[in-house]
Each structure stands twice: as structure tokens, then as C-alpha cells.
Amino acid sequence: MIVTKIKKIDLREIWKHEALDFTKWLKDNLEILADTIQIELNNPESEQAAGDFFVDLIAEDNNGNMVVIENQLEKSDHAHLGKLLTYLTAYDAKTAIWIVAEPRQEHINTLVWLNESTSANFYLIKLEAIKIDDSNPAPLFTLIVEPTPEAKEIGIAKKDIAEREILRKKFWTGVLEKSQTKTNLHSNISPTHHHWIGTGAGKAGLAYNYVIRKDEAQIELYIDKGKDSEEMNLKIFNYLNENKIIIEEQFGDSLIWESLFGKRACRISKVLKIGGYRTNENEWDYIFEEMVNTMVKFEKAMKPYVEKI
């Protein structure tokens, strides 16, 4: 058996001009590209106008959706990426294909992100030319980026996270504004996108926190004096727990006392089944009022014992 080596050829030796040579060849041999991305491509047209630009190729998939194809017989660059996006929107296309001689990592990352973050499908293909011994040159398409169901799911998850963070920051803005009308306890705190905000209780390692979930809220005293502090945290918790009856009488309701076995910190809290950040925003003001009123009562009941720690 004789095994020979594949020889790579400079693309410009085969297609000297990108538009006149390669784009024309690709239009006549579109099935090679279709086989690479596993999508049937029909009715190709070249050099179609898109504003002041011209799309290298447009085609249709089996469902009649537009596909735009941008060719670049060199290293990928920002200008061609911009053109690809321009053509996609100009033709209201569902699929964008970018063929390049050498894909830059930043452009690989960008198309991966676009597949996650948009409803369009993006393909990035590396083009090489090869020959074996004295054979005619042949194109070699390597699929670098493609849309996948997993990528779309990741995009949906990221969108949900972003929306949740925006919503929580808006929620905390309202809580802090309400708080400033009743107490100075959280007056130096700024809203964040986290599920909790807190302020020091006047003793190192102790904090009064607001916690918010989708459908409920919580106020708490969180005890955590840092690394290797399990014994001290538990000691503080036990001291407060010894005064549980009096504290709850002054608070006016029962509390949840958690030594959080197996964890470093301890917590004393009150869960409020009044709604959360996913509750209709028209009802948020009531939630703000209840959270702040509860925190004021909670801090008042705890303060004499916290000060003695």
C-alpha cells in the first residue's frame, strides 16, 4: 500500500480574486458547502445589494428562509464580521455563513456567543486547498462554529439570568428607598443584582440581611466571623438562642434559628410569604413595606443582645 501526503496550497493560487473566482466557483458548487453544514442550499445568487454593500452569496434553505454567505480568502477580521451581520439583518435571514482562510479566536468566540444569544444560526468555516501528488486541487471545508440545541439552551439560560439580575436590582432599589423612610440601618447600601443585600450589625461578622426569592422574602441576622470561625459563630448563636423566648416576644413572632450544621455560618431569620421579585411589580410596594417593617422590629429585638456580644 502506498500512502502519500496531502499538500496544502495557497488559496490565491486557485482563486486569485475572491469575488470573481472563489464566489463564482462556490455558487456553482454550493452542494460542497451544503454537505459541510448539513443544510440544503437552493437558488444561490451572487453580489446582491444590501444598502451600499454587496452580499457575496445569498441562498435559501429547505424552508425558504434566506441564508447569507460571506467569503474571505484571508484571516477573519472585524470588517467582514460587520458585513455578515449587516447582510443578515438586511435580508432578514435566518442563517449566516462566514467562510475564511484563518479564523481568529475572537471571531470564533463572537459567533459562539451569537448562536447562544440570538435566534439566528451562525456558521464559521475554515477554507483550505489541498492536493495529493499531482492531483487537481480540492477545497477542504472545516466547520469551526455551528449552532446547536445546547448552545441555544445556554443562551436562554443566560438571558434568564440577565433578566433576573436586572429585576432583582430594580427590586432592591425599591426596598432601600422604602428603608430610608423608616431606618438608617441600610442607608449606606447600594442595590445589587444578588439575591441578598446586607449591612453590619455593629459587631464584626454579624450582618442584618434582606433576602429575596421568586415568591418569598426573608430578613435575617447572619453570623460569620470568617475563616476558621465555626466555634466562635456557634458560641454567638448559642448565646442568642439562650435568649430566644425574650427576643421572639419583643419581635412579636417566632423566628427560624439555624446553627447550619456542617457549615461555617449561623443564621436567625424570618421568612415572609408575601411574594418575591417575580411577583407583579404593582404589588412590590406592599412587599417593600412588609420587609422593612419586619427588619425594623427584628433589629430592635436583637440589638440589646447583639450589643453584649
Protein backbone atom coordinates (compact mmCIF):
# COMPACT_ATOMS: atom_id res chain seq x y z
CA MET A 1 0.00 0.00 0.00
CA ILE A 2 1.39 3.37 -0.99
CA VAL A 3 0.48 6.26 1.29
CA THR A 4 1.08 9.76 0.06
CA LYS A 5 0.96 13.10 1.83
CA ILE A 6 -1.65 15.79 1.44
CA LYS A 7 -0.16 19.05 0.27
CA LYS A 8 -1.74 22.37 1.18
CA ILE A 9 -1.89 25.06 -1.45
CA ASP A 10 -2.20 28.80 -1.10
CA LEU A 11 -5.82 29.72 -1.80
CA ARG A 12 -4.77 32.53 -4.12
CA GLU A 13 -3.08 30.03 -6.42
CA ILE A 14 -6.51 28.61 -7.19
CA TRP A 15 -8.82 31.60 -6.74
CA LYS A 16 -6.86 34.74 -7.47
CA HIS A 17 -9.84 37.02 -6.98
CA GLU A 18 -12.29 36.46 -4.14
CA ALA A 19 -15.44 37.72 -5.85
CA LEU A 20 -14.69 36.88 -9.49
CA ASP A 21 -13.15 33.47 -8.87
CA PHE A 22 -14.00 31.94 -5.49
CA THR A 23 -17.55 33.28 -5.13
CA LYS A 24 -18.34 32.20 -8.68
CA TRP A 25 -16.89 28.74 -8.04
CA LEU A 26 -18.81 28.41 -4.74
CA LYS A 27 -22.07 29.37 -6.43
CA ASP A 28 -21.56 26.59 -8.97
CA ASN A 29 -20.52 24.08 -6.31
CA LEU A 30 -22.78 25.03 -3.43
CA GLU A 31 -23.50 21.37 -2.61
CA ILE A 32 -19.99 21.05 -1.14
CA LEU A 33 -20.78 23.78 1.37
CA ALA A 34 -24.24 22.28 1.99
CA ASP A 35 -22.68 18.91 2.79
CA THR A 36 -20.34 20.57 5.27
CA ILE A 37 -23.09 22.24 7.30
CA GLN A 38 -25.73 19.56 6.64
CA ILE A 39 -28.24 22.08 5.26
CA GLU A 40 -29.62 22.01 1.76
CA LEU A 41 -28.97 25.30 -0.03
CA ASN A 42 -31.01 26.36 -3.04
CA ASN A 43 -31.33 29.22 -5.55
CA PRO A 44 -27.93 30.86 -4.97
CA GLU A 45 -27.42 34.42 -6.19
CA SER A 46 -24.19 36.39 -6.05
CA GLU A 47 -23.31 40.02 -5.41
CA GLN A 48 -26.79 41.07 -4.27
CA ALA A 49 -27.10 44.62 -2.97
CA ALA A 50 -27.56 45.32 0.74
CA GLY A 51 -27.52 49.10 1.07
CA ASP A 52 -24.08 50.29 -0.02
CA PHE A 53 -22.67 46.76 0.21
CA PHE A 54 -22.98 43.61 -1.86
CA VAL A 55 -23.52 40.17 -0.36
CA ASP A 56 -21.14 37.56 -1.72
CA LEU A 57 -23.89 34.95 -1.92
CA ILE A 58 -27.46 34.53 -0.81
CA ALA A 59 -29.41 31.29 -0.93
CA GLU A 60 -32.46 29.64 0.57
CA ASP A 61 -32.79 26.68 2.90
CA ASN A 62 -35.45 23.98 2.51
CA ASN A 63 -37.98 26.12 4.37
CA GLY A 64 -37.47 29.09 2.09
CA ASN A 65 -35.53 31.07 4.71
CA MET A 66 -32.76 33.34 3.49
CA VAL A 67 -29.12 32.34 4.01
CA VAL A 68 -26.30 34.87 3.61
CA ILE A 69 -22.75 33.76 2.82
CA GLU A 70 -19.68 35.95 3.32
CA ASN A 71 -16.37 34.81 1.82
CA GLN A 72 -12.92 35.88 2.96
CA LEU A 73 -9.79 34.28 1.50
CA GLU A 74 -7.67 35.56 4.35
CA LYS A 75 -7.65 35.87 8.13
CA SER A 76 -11.02 36.84 9.59
CA ASP A 77 -11.42 40.50 10.52
CA HIS A 78 -13.91 42.85 12.13
CA ALA A 79 -14.93 44.44 8.84
CA HIS A 80 -16.19 41.17 7.38
CA LEU A 81 -17.93 40.28 10.63
CA GLY A 82 -19.72 43.62 10.44
CA LYS A 83 -20.74 42.93 6.86
CA LEU A 84 -22.06 39.49 7.80
CA LEU A 85 -24.32 41.00 10.46
CA THR A 86 -25.39 43.79 8.11
CA TYR A 87 -26.40 41.31 5.41
CA LEU A 88 -28.20 39.11 7.93
CA THR A 89 -30.44 41.97 9.03
CA ALA A 90 -30.83 43.48 5.55
CA TYR A 91 -32.27 40.25 4.18
CA ASP A 92 -33.97 39.19 7.40
CA ALA A 93 -32.02 35.94 7.04
CA LYS A 94 -32.18 33.05 9.49
CA THR A 95 -28.68 31.75 8.76
CA ALA A 96 -25.28 33.40 8.26
CA ILE A 97 -22.23 31.54 6.92
CA TRP A 98 -18.74 33.02 7.09
CA ILE A 99 -16.00 31.26 5.11
CA VAL A 100 -12.45 32.32 5.99
CA ALA A 101 -8.92 31.15 5.38
CA GLU A 102 -7.92 31.60 9.01
CA PRO A 103 -10.44 32.20 11.80
CA ARG A 104 -9.28 34.41 14.67
CA GLN A 105 -10.14 33.22 18.16
CA GLU A 106 -12.04 36.41 18.98
CA HIS A 107 -14.30 35.83 15.98
CA ILE A 108 -14.83 32.20 16.94
CA ASN A 109 -15.89 33.41 20.38
CA THR A 110 -18.18 36.03 18.87
CA LEU A 111 -20.07 33.57 16.66
CA VAL A 112 -20.40 31.12 19.55
CA TRP A 113 -21.92 33.97 21.57
CA LEU A 114 -24.23 34.95 18.70
CA ASN A 115 -25.50 31.38 18.45
CA GLU A 116 -26.26 31.45 22.17
CA SER A 117 -27.76 34.91 22.26
CA THR A 118 -29.79 35.31 19.08
CA SER A 119 -32.43 33.37 17.19
CA ALA A 120 -30.26 33.33 14.03
CA ASN A 121 -27.86 30.50 13.17
CA PHE A 122 -24.18 31.29 12.58
CA TYR A 123 -21.60 29.09 10.89
CA LEU A 124 -17.87 29.75 10.72
CA ILE A 125 -15.98 27.62 8.21
CA LYS A 126 -12.26 27.39 7.61
CA LEU A 127 -11.33 27.00 3.93
CA GLU A 128 -8.15 25.27 2.78
CA ALA A 129 -6.99 23.96 -0.58
CA ILE A 130 -5.25 20.62 -0.82
CA LYS A 131 -3.89 18.21 -3.41
CA ILE A 132 -2.38 14.74 -3.41
CA ASP A 133 0.73 14.29 -5.56
CA ASP A 134 -0.17 15.71 -8.98
CA SER A 135 -3.93 15.69 -8.46
CA ASN A 136 -6.13 18.66 -9.14
CA PRO A 137 -6.55 20.91 -6.09
CA ALA A 138 -9.61 20.35 -3.93
CA PRO A 139 -11.33 22.54 -1.33
CA LEU A 140 -11.31 21.43 2.29
CA PHE A 141 -14.07 22.94 4.43
CA THR A 142 -13.67 22.58 8.21
CA LEU A 143 -16.63 23.52 10.36
CA ILE A 144 -15.35 25.69 13.24
CA VAL A 145 -18.59 27.08 14.71
CA GLU A 146 -22.15 25.85 14.25
CA PRO A 147 -25.46 26.34 16.07
CA THR A 148 -26.51 23.52 18.40
CA PRO A 149 -29.55 22.90 20.61
CA GLU A 150 -27.20 23.01 23.60
CA ALA A 151 -25.94 26.46 22.60
CA LYS A 152 -29.49 27.77 22.26
CA GLU A 153 -30.35 26.35 25.70
CA ILE A 154 -27.28 28.05 27.16
CA GLY A 155 -28.38 31.29 25.54
CA ILE A 156 -31.86 31.01 27.04
CA ALA A 157 -30.35 30.30 30.47
CA LYS A 158 -28.02 33.30 30.19
CA LYS A 159 -30.92 35.51 29.14
CA ASP A 160 -32.95 34.32 32.12
CA ILE A 161 -30.03 35.07 34.45
CA ALA A 162 -29.60 38.56 32.98
CA GLU A 163 -33.31 39.32 33.28
CA ARG A 164 -33.35 38.02 36.85
CA GLU A 165 -30.37 40.19 37.81
CA ILE A 166 -31.96 43.29 36.29
CA LEU A 167 -35.22 42.56 38.09
CA ARG A 168 -33.52 42.00 41.45
CA LYS A 169 -31.54 45.22 41.19
CA LYS A 170 -34.76 47.09 40.49
CA PHE A 171 -36.39 45.34 43.45
CA TRP A 172 -33.55 46.24 45.83
CA THR A 173 -33.73 49.86 44.71
CA GLY A 174 -37.32 49.97 45.91
CA VAL A 175 -36.53 48.20 49.19
CA LEU A 176 -33.72 50.63 50.02
CA GLU A 177 -35.82 53.65 49.13
CA LYS A 178 -38.55 52.39 51.46
CA SER A 179 -36.00 51.58 54.15
CA GLN A 180 -34.65 55.13 54.16
CA THR A 181 -38.06 56.41 55.25
CA LYS A 182 -38.06 54.22 58.37
CA THR A 183 -34.50 53.43 59.49
CA ASN A 184 -30.85 54.28 58.90
CA LEU A 185 -29.86 50.63 59.12
CA HIS A 186 -29.20 50.13 55.38
CA SER A 187 -28.69 53.78 54.46
CA ASN A 188 -25.18 53.25 53.06
CA ILE A 189 -26.06 50.25 50.90
CA SER A 190 -26.44 50.31 47.11
CA PRO A 191 -28.74 47.98 45.18
CA THR A 192 -27.12 44.93 43.59
CA HIS A 193 -28.22 42.07 41.34
CA HIS A 194 -27.62 39.46 44.05
CA HIS A 195 -30.37 37.65 45.93
CA TRP A 196 -29.43 39.40 49.16
CA ILE A 197 -28.22 42.74 50.50
CA GLY A 198 -26.94 43.41 53.98
CA THR A 199 -25.27 45.73 56.43
CA GLY A 200 -23.17 45.27 59.53
CA ALA A 201 -24.92 44.74 62.85
CA GLY A 202 -22.31 46.71 64.79
CA LYS A 203 -20.21 43.65 65.60
CA ALA A 204 -17.63 42.12 63.30
CA GLY A 205 -19.02 39.12 61.44
CA LEU A 206 -22.69 39.90 62.15
CA ALA A 207 -24.96 41.32 59.45
CA TYR A 208 -28.61 42.21 59.01
CA ASN A 209 -29.60 40.91 55.59
CA TYR A 210 -32.58 41.17 53.31
CA VAL A 211 -33.05 38.08 51.13
CA ILE A 212 -35.37 37.80 48.16
CA ARG A 213 -36.52 34.80 46.14
CA LYS A 214 -39.03 34.39 43.33
CA ASP A 215 -42.06 34.12 45.57
CA GLU A 216 -40.95 34.97 49.10
CA ALA A 217 -38.77 37.32 51.12
CA GLN A 218 -36.63 36.95 54.21
CA ILE A 219 -34.88 39.07 56.83
CA GLU A 220 -32.05 37.63 58.89
CA LEU A 221 -29.14 38.06 61.24
CA TYR A 222 -26.22 36.26 59.61
CA ILE A 223 -23.33 35.19 61.82
CA ASP A 224 -19.99 34.55 60.14
CA LYS A 225 -16.73 35.83 61.60
CA GLY A 226 -14.67 34.42 58.76
CA LYS A 227 -12.33 31.54 58.11
CA ASP A 228 -11.89 29.02 60.94
CA SER A 229 -14.65 30.76 62.91
CA GLU A 230 -17.08 27.85 63.26
CA GLU A 231 -16.61 27.58 67.01
CA MET A 232 -16.99 31.32 67.61
CA ASN A 233 -20.02 31.55 65.29
CA LEU A 234 -21.74 28.76 67.17
CA LYS A 235 -20.88 30.34 70.50
CA ILE A 236 -22.55 33.61 69.45
CA PHE A 237 -25.55 31.72 68.08
CA ASN A 238 -25.96 29.74 71.31
CA TYR A 239 -25.81 32.93 73.38
CA LEU A 240 -28.60 34.49 71.30
CA ASN A 241 -30.55 31.24 71.33
CA GLU A 242 -30.47 31.24 75.16
CA ASN A 243 -32.50 34.45 74.92
CA LYS A 244 -34.80 33.11 72.20
CA ILE A 245 -38.05 33.43 74.19
CA ILE A 246 -37.44 37.08 75.10
CA ILE A 247 -36.23 38.01 71.62
CA GLU A 248 -39.26 36.44 69.95
CA GLU A 249 -41.60 38.13 72.44
CA GLN A 250 -40.06 41.50 71.65
CA PHE A 251 -40.14 40.75 67.92
CA GLY A 252 -43.77 39.68 68.15
CA ASP A 253 -43.47 36.42 66.23
CA SER A 254 -41.49 33.20 66.01
CA LEU A 255 -38.14 33.09 64.22
CA ILE A 256 -36.13 30.40 62.48
CA TRP A 257 -32.97 29.50 64.43
CA GLU A 258 -30.35 27.72 62.33
CA SER A 259 -26.94 26.67 63.54
CA LEU A 260 -26.39 25.44 59.95
CA PHE A 261 -24.67 22.23 60.99
CA GLY A 262 -21.80 21.40 58.65
CA LYS A 263 -21.43 24.99 57.52
CA ARG A 264 -19.33 27.77 58.94
CA ALA A 265 -22.07 30.33 59.49
CA CYS A 266 -25.24 30.50 61.59
CA ARG A 267 -28.49 32.33 60.91
CA ILE A 268 -31.58 33.66 62.67
CA SER A 269 -34.31 34.61 60.23
CA LYS A 270 -37.93 35.29 59.41
CA VAL A 271 -39.42 34.12 56.11
CA LEU A 272 -42.20 36.31 54.71
CA LYS A 273 -44.70 34.55 52.45
CA ILE A 274 -45.75 37.80 50.83
CA GLY A 275 -44.31 37.41 47.32
CA GLY A 276 -40.91 37.97 45.78
CA TYR A 277 -39.14 39.62 42.86
CA ARG A 278 -41.25 37.63 40.37
CA THR A 279 -44.44 39.00 41.89
CA ASN A 280 -46.28 41.55 39.77
CA GLU A 281 -44.49 44.87 40.16
CA ASN A 282 -47.77 46.55 41.06
CA GLU A 283 -47.58 44.61 44.34
CA TRP A 284 -43.95 45.35 45.13
CA ASP A 285 -44.65 48.35 47.32
CA TYR A 286 -46.56 46.16 49.75
CA ILE A 287 -43.64 43.72 49.83
CA PHE A 288 -41.18 46.59 50.44
CA GLU A 289 -43.31 47.86 53.31
CA GLU A 290 -43.56 44.45 54.96
CA MET A 291 -39.87 43.67 54.56
CA VAL A 292 -38.74 46.98 56.03
CA ASN A 293 -41.24 46.92 58.90
CA THR A 294 -40.16 43.39 59.76
CA MET A 295 -36.49 44.34 59.65
CA VAL A 296 -37.08 47.32 61.95
CA LYS A 297 -38.82 45.09 64.52
CA PHE A 298 -36.20 42.38 64.12
CA GLU A 299 -33.24 44.71 64.63
CA LYS A 300 -34.91 46.30 67.66
CA ALA A 301 -35.45 42.91 69.30
CA MET A 302 -31.91 41.72 68.55
CA LYS A 303 -29.98 44.89 69.30
CA PRO A 304 -29.72 44.63 73.13
CA TYR A 305 -28.26 41.13 72.87
CA VAL A 306 -26.03 41.83 69.87
CA GLU A 307 -24.50 44.76 71.73
CA LYS A 308 -23.49 42.44 74.60
CA ILE A 309 -21.55 40.08 72.31
